[in-house]
Amino acid sequence: MKLKTKLYLSAAALVVLMSIFLVATKSYFNNQEINEASDQCYEKGGQPNVSMTALTLNYSFSCESEQ
């Protein structure tokens, strides 16, 4: 292979690996935030309601009281 081709493939591989790392990091921290918020909701006697969007990795959280 030519040197240019190897450089392009290396750059593309680096971009893919960084993208995977960033998605995994965002997913991990979202999970940590949801767990913490859920624990606090349970302590208040509520029921957590979480809805997530897979494509953008966003979520919405609400704590509904059972009273």
PDB file of N, CA and C in Angstrom:
ATOM      1  N   MET A   1       0.837  -1.184   0.000  1.00  0.00           N
ATOM      2  CA  MET A   1       0.000   0.000   0.000  1.00  0.00           C
ATOM      3  C   MET A   1       0.880   1.245   0.000  1.00  0.00           C
ATOM      4  N   LYS A   2       0.321   2.281  -0.524  1.00  0.00           N
ATOM      5  CA  LYS A   2       1.028   3.550  -0.539  1.00  0.00           C
ATOM      6  C   LYS A   2       0.963   4.194   0.849  1.00  0.00           C
ATOM      7  N   LEU A   3       1.887   5.076   1.082  1.00  0.00           N
ATOM      8  CA  LEU A   3       1.957   5.763   2.367  1.00  0.00           C
ATOM      9  C   LEU A   3       0.704   6.608   2.612  1.00  0.00           C
ATOM     10  N   LYS A   4       0.204   7.272   1.568  1.00  0.00           N
ATOM     11  CA  LYS A   4      -0.998   8.093   1.704  1.00  0.00           C
ATOM     12  C   LYS A   4      -2.193   7.249   2.141  1.00  0.00           C
ATOM     13  N   THR A   5      -2.334   6.084   1.553  1.00  0.00           N
ATOM     14  CA  THR A   5      -3.446   5.197   1.892  1.00  0.00           C
ATOM     15  C   THR A   5      -3.344   4.751   3.344  1.00  0.00           C
ATOM     16  N   LYS A   6      -2.153   4.421   3.786  1.00  0.00           N
ATOM     17  CA  LYS A   6      -1.958   4.014   5.177  1.00  0.00           C
ATOM     18  C   LYS A   6      -2.292   5.146   6.137  1.00  0.00           C
ATOM     19  N   LEU A   7      -1.915   6.360   5.781  1.00  0.00           N
ATOM     20  CA  LEU A   7      -2.231   7.514   6.626  1.00  0.00           C
ATOM     21  C   LEU A   7      -3.733   7.746   6.713  1.00  0.00           C
ATOM     22  N   TYR A   8      -4.428   7.646   5.588  1.00  0.00           N
ATOM     23  CA  TYR A   8      -5.878   7.823   5.587  1.00  0.00           C
ATOM     24  C   TYR A   8      -6.567   6.738   6.409  1.00  0.00           C
ATOM     25  N   LEU A   9      -6.112   5.504   6.273  1.00  0.00           N
ATOM     26  CA  LEU A   9      -6.702   4.416   7.051  1.00  0.00           C
ATOM     27  C   LEU A   9      -6.430   4.581   8.543  1.00  0.00           C
ATOM     28  N   SER A  10      -5.244   5.022   8.883  1.00  0.00           N
ATOM     29  CA  SER A  10      -4.905   5.261  10.284  1.00  0.00           C
ATOM     30  C   SER A  10      -5.762   6.385  10.864  1.00  0.00           C
ATOM     31  N   ALA A  11      -5.934   7.443  10.113  1.00  0.00           N
ATOM     32  CA  ALA A  11      -6.752   8.564  10.568  1.00  0.00           C
ATOM     33  C   ALA A  11      -8.209   8.138  10.733  1.00  0.00           C
ATOM     34  N   ALA A  12      -8.711   7.357   9.786  1.00  0.00           N
ATOM     35  CA  ALA A  12     -10.089   6.886   9.879  1.00  0.00           C
ATOM     36  C   ALA A  12     -10.270   5.969  11.083  1.00  0.00           C
ATOM     37  N   ALA A  13      -9.304   5.100  11.332  1.00  0.00           N
ATOM     38  CA  ALA A  13      -9.375   4.205  12.492  1.00  0.00           C
ATOM     39  C   ALA A  13      -9.352   5.005  13.786  1.00  0.00           C
ATOM     40  N   LEU A  14      -8.544   6.042  13.838  1.00  0.00           N
ATOM     41  CA  LEU A  14      -8.478   6.891  15.025  1.00  0.00           C
ATOM     42  C   LEU A  14      -9.806   7.608  15.261  1.00  0.00           C
ATOM     43  N   VAL A  15     -10.417   8.102  14.205  1.00  0.00           N
ATOM     44  CA  VAL A  15     -11.713   8.772  14.328  1.00  0.00           C
ATOM     45  C   VAL A  15     -12.771   7.800  14.837  1.00  0.00           C
ATOM     46  N   VAL A  16     -12.778   6.587  14.331  1.00  0.00           N
ATOM     47  CA  VAL A  16     -13.751   5.586  14.775  1.00  0.00           C
ATOM     48  C   VAL A  16     -13.535   5.246  16.244  1.00  0.00           C
ATOM     49  N   LEU A  17     -12.294   5.034  16.647  1.00  0.00           N
ATOM     50  CA  LEU A  17     -12.003   4.709  18.044  1.00  0.00           C
ATOM     51  C   LEU A  17     -12.369   5.852  18.987  1.00  0.00           C
ATOM     52  N   MET A  18     -12.077   7.063  18.608  1.00  0.00           N
ATOM     53  CA  MET A  18     -12.440   8.216  19.441  1.00  0.00           C
ATOM     54  C   MET A  18     -13.954   8.371  19.545  1.00  0.00           C
ATOM     55  N   SER A  19     -14.661   8.119  18.458  1.00  0.00           N
ATOM     56  CA  SER A  19     -16.118   8.199  18.482  1.00  0.00           C
ATOM     57  C   SER A  19     -16.698   7.158  19.430  1.00  0.00           C
ATOM     58  N   ILE A  20     -16.185   5.946  19.359  1.00  0.00           N
ATOM     59  CA  ILE A  20     -16.647   4.888  20.258  1.00  0.00           C
ATOM     60  C   ILE A  20     -16.361   5.264  21.711  1.00  0.00           C
ATOM     61  N   PHE A  21     -15.184   5.802  21.971  1.00  0.00           N
ATOM     62  CA  PHE A  21     -14.827   6.218  23.318  1.00  0.00           C
ATOM     63  C   PHE A  21     -15.760   7.313  23.833  1.00  0.00           C
ATOM     64  N   LEU A  22     -16.045   8.296  23.011  1.00  0.00           N
ATOM     65  CA  LEU A  22     -16.917   9.398  23.430  1.00  0.00           C
ATOM     66  C   LEU A  22     -18.347   8.930  23.689  1.00  0.00           C
ATOM     67  N   VAL A  23     -18.868   8.055  22.852  1.00  0.00           N
ATOM     68  CA  VAL A  23     -20.216   7.523  23.053  1.00  0.00           C
ATOM     69  C   VAL A  23     -20.272   6.702  24.340  1.00  0.00           C
ATOM     70  N   ALA A  24     -19.266   5.875  24.562  1.00  0.00           N
ATOM     71  CA  ALA A  24     -19.235   5.056  25.770  1.00  0.00           C
ATOM     72  C   ALA A  24     -19.131   5.929  27.019  1.00  0.00           C
ATOM     73  N   THR A  25     -18.336   6.982  26.955  1.00  0.00           N
ATOM     74  CA  THR A  25     -18.191   7.887  28.094  1.00  0.00           C
ATOM     75  C   THR A  25     -19.498   8.601  28.404  1.00  0.00           C
ATOM     76  N   LYS A  26     -20.165   9.100  27.382  1.00  0.00           N
ATOM     77  CA  LYS A  26     -21.442   9.788  27.600  1.00  0.00           C
ATOM     78  C   LYS A  26     -22.480   8.833  28.165  1.00  0.00           C
ATOM     79  N   SER A  27     -22.525   7.625  27.646  1.00  0.00           N
ATOM     80  CA  SER A  27     -23.462   6.631  28.139  1.00  0.00           C
ATOM     81  C   SER A  27     -23.190   6.292  29.605  1.00  0.00           C
ATOM     82  N   TYR A  28     -21.930   6.132  29.960  1.00  0.00           N
ATOM     83  CA  TYR A  28     -21.556   5.814  31.339  1.00  0.00           C
ATOM     84  C   TYR A  28     -21.993   6.922  32.290  1.00  0.00           C
ATOM     85  N   PHE A  29     -21.685   8.166  31.962  1.00  0.00           N
ATOM     86  CA  PHE A  29     -22.028   9.262  32.858  1.00  0.00           C
ATOM     87  C   PHE A  29     -23.532   9.505  32.919  1.00  0.00           C
ATOM     88  N   ASN A  30     -24.243   9.294  31.819  1.00  0.00           N
ATOM     89  CA  ASN A  30     -25.701   9.373  31.872  1.00  0.00           C
ATOM     90  C   ASN A  30     -26.255   8.325  32.837  1.00  0.00           C
ATOM     91  N   ASN A  31     -25.713   7.116  32.768  1.00  0.00           N
ATOM     92  CA  ASN A  31     -26.149   6.041  33.643  1.00  0.00           C
ATOM     93  C   ASN A  31     -25.883   6.385  35.109  1.00  0.00           C
ATOM     94  N   GLN A  32     -24.735   6.974  35.388  1.00  0.00           N
ATOM     95  CA  GLN A  32     -24.405   7.370  36.759  1.00  0.00           C
ATOM     96  C   GLN A  32     -25.372   8.445  37.265  1.00  0.00           C
ATOM     97  N   GLU A  33     -25.692   9.418  36.429  1.00  0.00           N
ATOM     98  CA  GLU A  33     -26.621  10.482  36.814  1.00  0.00           C
ATOM     99  C   GLU A  33     -28.021   9.925  37.075  1.00  0.00           C
ATOM    100  N   ILE A  34     -28.465   9.033  36.215  1.00  0.00           N
ATOM    101  CA  ILE A  34     -29.795   8.438  36.377  1.00  0.00           C
ATOM    102  C   ILE A  34     -29.855   7.612  37.657  1.00  0.00           C
ATOM    103  N   ASN A  35     -28.819   6.832  37.938  1.00  0.00           N
ATOM    104  CA  ASN A  35     -28.797   6.034  39.169  1.00  0.00           C
ATOM    105  C   ASN A  35     -28.843   6.917  40.407  1.00  0.00           C
ATOM    106  N   GLU A  36     -28.075   7.990  40.412  1.00  0.00           N
ATOM    107  CA  GLU A  36     -28.064   8.905  41.555  1.00  0.00           C
ATOM    108  C   GLU A  36     -29.422   9.587  41.731  1.00  0.00           C
ATOM    109  N   ALA A  37     -29.999  10.049  40.645  1.00  0.00           N
ATOM    110  CA  ALA A  37     -31.305  10.699  40.721  1.00  0.00           C
ATOM    111  C   ALA A  37     -32.382   9.709  41.151  1.00  0.00           C
ATOM    112  N   SER A  38     -32.298   8.477  40.677  1.00  0.00           N
ATOM    113  CA  SER A  38     -33.274   7.455  41.062  1.00  0.00           C
ATOM    114  C   SER A  38     -33.173   7.147  42.554  1.00  0.00           C
ATOM    115  N   ASP A  39     -31.956   7.033  43.061  1.00  0.00           N
ATOM    116  CA  ASP A  39     -31.772   6.780  44.486  1.00  0.00           C
ATOM    117  C   ASP A  39     -32.372   7.892  45.327  1.00  0.00           C
ATOM    118  N   GLN A  40     -32.146   9.141  44.921  1.00  0.00           N
ATOM    119  CA  GLN A  40     -32.710  10.273  45.652  1.00  0.00           C
ATOM    120  C   GLN A  40     -34.229  10.284  45.569  1.00  0.00           C
ATOM    121  N   CYS A  41     -34.764   9.881  44.430  1.00  0.00           N
ATOM    122  CA  CYS A  41     -36.211   9.824  44.262  1.00  0.00           C
ATOM    123  C   CYS A  41     -36.815   8.767  45.186  1.00  0.00           C
ATOM    124  N   TYR A  42     -36.182   7.594  45.237  1.00  0.00           N
ATOM    125  CA  TYR A  42     -36.665   6.530  46.122  1.00  0.00           C
ATOM    126  C   TYR A  42     -36.607   6.959  47.583  1.00  0.00           C
ATOM    127  N   GLU A  43     -35.565   7.708  47.969  1.00  0.00           N
ATOM    128  CA  GLU A  43     -35.448   8.191  49.343  1.00  0.00           C
ATOM    129  C   GLU A  43     -36.586   9.131  49.708  1.00  0.00           C
ATOM    130  N   LYS A  44     -37.099   9.861  48.733  1.00  0.00           N
ATOM    131  CA  LYS A  44     -38.214  10.772  48.969  1.00  0.00           C
ATOM    132  C   LYS A  44     -39.566  10.070  48.881  1.00  0.00           C
ATOM    133  N   GLY A  45     -39.548   8.773  48.587  1.00  0.00           N
ATOM    134  CA  GLY A  45     -40.788   8.014  48.485  1.00  0.00           C
ATOM    135  C   GLY A  45     -41.445   8.107  47.123  1.00  0.00           C
ATOM    136  N   GLY A  46     -40.724   8.496  46.129  1.00  0.00           N
ATOM    137  CA  GLY A  46     -41.272   8.638  44.786  1.00  0.00           C
ATOM    138  C   GLY A  46     -40.907   7.478  43.881  1.00  0.00           C
ATOM    139  N   GLN A  47     -41.410   7.553  42.680  1.00  0.00           N
ATOM    140  CA  GLN A  47     -41.135   6.548  41.651  1.00  0.00           C
ATOM    141  C   GLN A  47     -40.463   7.256  40.474  1.00  0.00           C
ATOM    142  N   PRO A  48     -39.212   6.886  40.162  1.00  0.00           N
ATOM    143  CA  PRO A  48     -38.525   7.548  39.049  1.00  0.00           C
ATOM    144  C   PRO A  48     -39.120   7.147  37.701  1.00  0.00           C
ATOM    145  N   ASN A  49     -39.181   8.121  36.815  1.00  0.00           N
ATOM    146  CA  ASN A  49     -39.661   7.879  35.458  1.00  0.00           C
ATOM    147  C   ASN A  49     -38.593   8.423  34.504  1.00  0.00           C
ATOM    148  N   VAL A  50     -37.974   7.516  33.768  1.00  0.00           N
ATOM    149  CA  VAL A  50     -36.878   7.891  32.875  1.00  0.00           C
ATOM    150  C   VAL A  50     -37.251   7.512  31.456  1.00  0.00           C
ATOM    151  N   SER A  51     -37.078   8.442  30.536  1.00  0.00           N
ATOM    152  CA  SER A  51     -37.245   8.110  29.122  1.00  0.00           C
ATOM    153  C   SER A  51     -35.957   8.504  28.412  1.00  0.00           C
ATOM    154  N   MET A  52     -35.474   7.593  27.571  1.00  0.00           N
ATOM    155  CA  MET A  52     -34.198   7.797  26.895  1.00  0.00           C
ATOM    156  C   MET A  52     -34.376   7.742  25.388  1.00  0.00           C
ATOM    157  N   THR A  53     -33.536   8.498  24.695  1.00  0.00           N
ATOM    158  CA  THR A  53     -33.475   8.403  23.241  1.00  0.00           C
ATOM    159  C   THR A  53     -32.128   7.795  22.870  1.00  0.00           C
ATOM    160  N   ALA A  54     -32.156   6.711  22.154  1.00  0.00           N
ATOM    161  CA  ALA A  54     -30.933   5.980  21.832  1.00  0.00           C
ATOM    162  C   ALA A  54     -30.068   6.725  20.816  1.00  0.00           C
ATOM    163  N   LEU A  55     -30.693   7.395  19.888  1.00  0.00           N
ATOM    164  CA  LEU A  55     -29.932   8.026  18.809  1.00  0.00           C
ATOM    165  C   LEU A  55     -29.052   9.173  19.310  1.00  0.00           C
ATOM    166  N   THR A  56     -29.608  10.012  20.180  1.00  0.00           N
ATOM    167  CA  THR A  56     -28.857  11.166  20.664  1.00  0.00           C
ATOM    168  C   THR A  56     -28.288  10.968  22.064  1.00  0.00           C
ATOM    169  N   LEU A  57     -28.581   9.839  22.689  1.00  0.00           N
ATOM    170  CA  LEU A  57     -28.123   9.513  24.038  1.00  0.00           C
ATOM    171  C   LEU A  57     -28.594  10.524  25.073  1.00  0.00           C
ATOM    172  N   ASN A  58     -29.748  11.102  24.868  1.00  0.00           N
ATOM    173  CA  ASN A  58     -30.337  12.018  25.829  1.00  0.00           C
ATOM    174  C   ASN A  58     -31.356  11.283  26.672  1.00  0.00           C
ATOM    175  N   TYR A  59     -31.691  11.867  27.814  1.00  0.00           N
ATOM    176  CA  TYR A  59     -32.715  11.288  28.665  1.00  0.00           C
ATOM    177  C   TYR A  59     -33.481  12.397  29.359  1.00  0.00           C
ATOM    178  N   SER A  60     -34.677  12.058  29.806  1.00  0.00           N
ATOM    179  CA  SER A  60     -35.437  12.960  30.656  1.00  0.00           C
ATOM    180  C   SER A  60     -35.826  12.186  31.903  1.00  0.00           C
ATOM    181  N   PHE A  61     -35.807  12.863  33.037  1.00  0.00           N
ATOM    182  CA  PHE A  61     -36.036  12.210  34.318  1.00  0.00           C
ATOM    183  C   PHE A  61     -37.091  12.987  35.076  1.00  0.00           C
ATOM    184  N   SER A  62     -38.009  12.273  35.696  1.00  0.00           N
ATOM    185  CA  SER A  62     -38.965  12.895  36.595  1.00  0.00           C
ATOM    186  C   SER A  62     -39.208  11.943  37.763  1.00  0.00           C
ATOM    187  N   CYS A  63     -39.524  12.530  38.905  1.00  0.00           N
ATOM    188  CA  CYS A  63     -39.792  11.758  40.112  1.00  0.00           C
ATOM    189  C   CYS A  63     -41.250  11.972  40.470  1.00  0.00           C
ATOM    190  N   GLU A  64     -42.035  10.924  40.334  1.00  0.00           N
ATOM    191  CA  GLU A  64     -43.458  11.010  40.587  1.00  0.00           C
ATOM    192  C   GLU A  64     -43.750  10.460  41.982  1.00  0.00           C
ATOM    193  N   SER A  65     -44.355  11.308  42.822  1.00  0.00           N
ATOM    194  CA  SER A  65     -44.661  10.855  44.176  1.00  0.00           C
ATOM    195  C   SER A  65     -45.886   9.953  44.157  1.00  0.00           C
ATOM    196  N   GLU A  66     -45.928   9.009  45.095  1.00  0.00           N
ATOM    197  CA  GLU A  66     -47.010   8.021  45.136  1.00  0.00           C
ATOM    198  C   GLU A  66     -48.138   8.450  46.043  1.00  0.00           C
ATOM    199  N   GLN A  67     -48.200   9.709  46.416  1.00  0.00           N
ATOM    200  CA  GLN A  67     -49.224  10.183  47.342  1.00  0.00           C
ATOM    201  C   GLN A  67     -50.528  10.442  46.653  1.00  0.00           C
TER     202      GLN A  67
END
